[in-house]
Protein backbone atom coordinates (compact mmCIF):
# COMPACT_ATOMS: atom_id res chain seq x y z
CA MET A 1 112.08 117.67 107.48
CA ASN A 2 111.57 115.28 104.60
CA ILE A 3 114.62 114.01 102.70
CA ARG A 4 113.99 111.60 99.87
CA ILE A 5 116.41 109.93 97.48
CA LYS A 6 115.71 109.07 93.88
CA ARG A 7 117.61 107.78 90.92
CA ALA A 8 118.06 110.34 88.12
CA TYR A 9 116.52 107.89 85.67
CA GLU A 10 113.21 107.80 87.53
CA ASP A 11 110.56 110.30 86.45
CA PRO A 12 110.37 113.52 88.46
CA ASP A 13 107.27 113.89 90.60
CA GLU A 14 105.49 116.78 92.33
CA ALA A 15 106.16 115.08 95.67
CA ASP A 16 109.93 115.38 95.09
CA GLY A 17 110.00 118.96 96.28
CA LEU A 18 113.39 120.54 95.60
CA ARG A 19 115.40 118.16 93.38
CA ILE A 20 119.13 118.32 94.15
CA LEU A 21 121.68 116.40 92.08
CA VAL A 22 124.35 115.11 94.46
CA ASP A 23 126.75 113.54 91.95
CA ARG A 24 129.95 115.08 90.66
CA LEU A 25 129.06 114.20 87.04
CA TRP A 26 125.84 114.77 85.13
CA PRO A 27 123.88 111.50 84.63
CA ARG A 28 124.51 109.92 81.23
CA GLY A 29 121.77 110.09 78.65
CA ILE A 30 119.49 112.41 80.62
CA SER A 31 118.61 115.86 79.33
CA LYS A 32 118.38 118.77 81.74
CA GLU A 33 114.71 119.16 80.83
CA LYS A 34 113.90 115.54 81.65
CA ALA A 35 115.94 115.51 84.87
CA ARG A 36 114.28 118.68 86.22
CA ILE A 37 117.14 119.33 88.62
CA ASP A 38 116.65 122.47 90.73
CA LEU A 39 120.13 122.56 92.22
CA TRP A 40 123.40 120.75 91.55
CA ILE A 41 125.85 120.66 94.43
CA LYS A 42 128.92 118.96 92.97
CA ASP A 43 131.12 119.86 95.93
CA LEU A 44 129.09 117.62 98.25
CA ALA A 45 129.58 114.55 96.08
CA PRO A 46 132.30 112.12 97.15
CA SER A 47 135.73 112.97 95.79
CA ASN A 48 136.80 111.14 92.65
CA GLU A 49 139.40 109.27 94.71
CA LEU A 50 136.84 108.09 97.26
CA ARG A 51 134.30 107.15 94.61
CA SER A 52 136.90 105.11 92.70
CA TRP A 53 138.14 103.42 95.87
CA TYR A 54 134.61 102.43 96.97
CA GLY A 55 133.46 101.01 93.64
CA HIS A 56 130.10 100.08 95.23
CA GLU A 57 131.66 97.09 96.98
CA PRO A 58 129.26 96.36 99.88
CA GLU A 59 132.02 95.30 102.26
CA LYS A 60 133.57 98.79 101.92
CA TRP A 61 130.30 100.60 102.82
CA PRO A 62 131.12 101.34 106.50
CA GLU A 63 134.54 102.77 105.60
CA PHE A 64 133.08 104.66 102.62
CA ARG A 65 130.52 106.32 104.90
CA SER A 66 133.21 107.25 107.41
CA ARG A 67 135.49 108.76 104.75
CA TYR A 68 132.60 110.51 103.00
CA PHE A 69 131.35 112.01 106.26
CA ALA A 70 134.88 113.34 106.88
CA GLU A 71 134.81 114.97 103.42
CA LEU A 72 131.43 116.51 104.22
CA ASP A 73 132.73 117.77 107.58
CA SER A 74 135.49 119.61 105.71
CA ASN A 75 132.89 121.51 103.66
CA PRO A 76 130.68 123.19 106.31
CA GLU A 77 129.45 126.04 104.09
CA GLN A 78 127.94 123.73 101.47
CA VAL A 79 126.51 121.42 104.15
CA SER A 80 124.93 124.41 105.87
CA GLU A 81 123.39 125.55 102.58
CA LEU A 82 121.93 122.10 101.98
CA LEU A 83 120.60 121.87 105.54
CA GLY A 84 118.88 125.21 104.96
CA HIS A 85 117.00 123.72 102.00
CA VAL A 86 116.13 120.62 104.02
CA ARG A 87 114.64 122.71 106.82
CA LYS A 88 112.40 124.59 104.36
CA GLY A 89 110.59 121.55 102.96
CA THR A 90 110.83 118.34 101.01
CA VAL A 91 114.16 117.72 99.31
CA THR A 92 114.97 114.84 96.97
CA LEU A 93 118.63 113.92 96.64
CA VAL A 94 119.07 112.73 93.05
CA TYR A 95 121.83 110.29 92.12
CA SER A 96 122.70 108.25 89.02
CA SER A 97 124.35 105.11 90.42
CA LYS A 98 122.92 101.72 89.48
CA GLU A 99 123.49 100.74 93.11
CA GLN A 100 120.24 101.77 94.76
CA ARG A 101 120.92 100.60 98.30
CA LEU A 102 124.49 101.66 99.16
CA ASN A 103 125.24 104.91 97.35
CA ASN A 104 126.37 108.45 98.10
CA ALA A 105 122.81 109.86 98.18
CA ARG A 106 121.82 107.40 100.92
CA ALA A 107 124.96 108.23 102.91
CA LEU A 108 124.33 111.96 102.48
CA LYS A 109 120.73 111.54 103.64
CA GLU A 110 121.96 109.80 106.82
CA TYR A 111 124.54 112.53 107.36
CA LEU A 112 121.95 115.31 107.00
CA GLU A 113 119.38 113.58 109.22
CA ASP A 114 122.01 113.27 111.97
CA ARG A 115 122.72 117.00 111.80
CA ALA A 116 119.28 118.50 111.16
């Protein structure tokens, strides 16, 4: 199992494996050709309410993770589908946030690693 995370604005690479966009919205200013996204799973992105509440404020990170994990728990079919891809080979979770340390892709990676 190899889960990577990468910002949508970074160039795709052969080592990325299956590139999965994990944001609810398409990244601004990036064409579909340049992004080379293989799969877009909008339903596994944080809800708009949660995303707005979090606002990438570091002190909210523990609570964000907890609430996001609860949202993921309520969507077992999509999580199972994503875990299936993870078990097959390298997967890169692609996100667009400027925040590179505390973002939904990193939280999703932790969630998947705990369940794989």
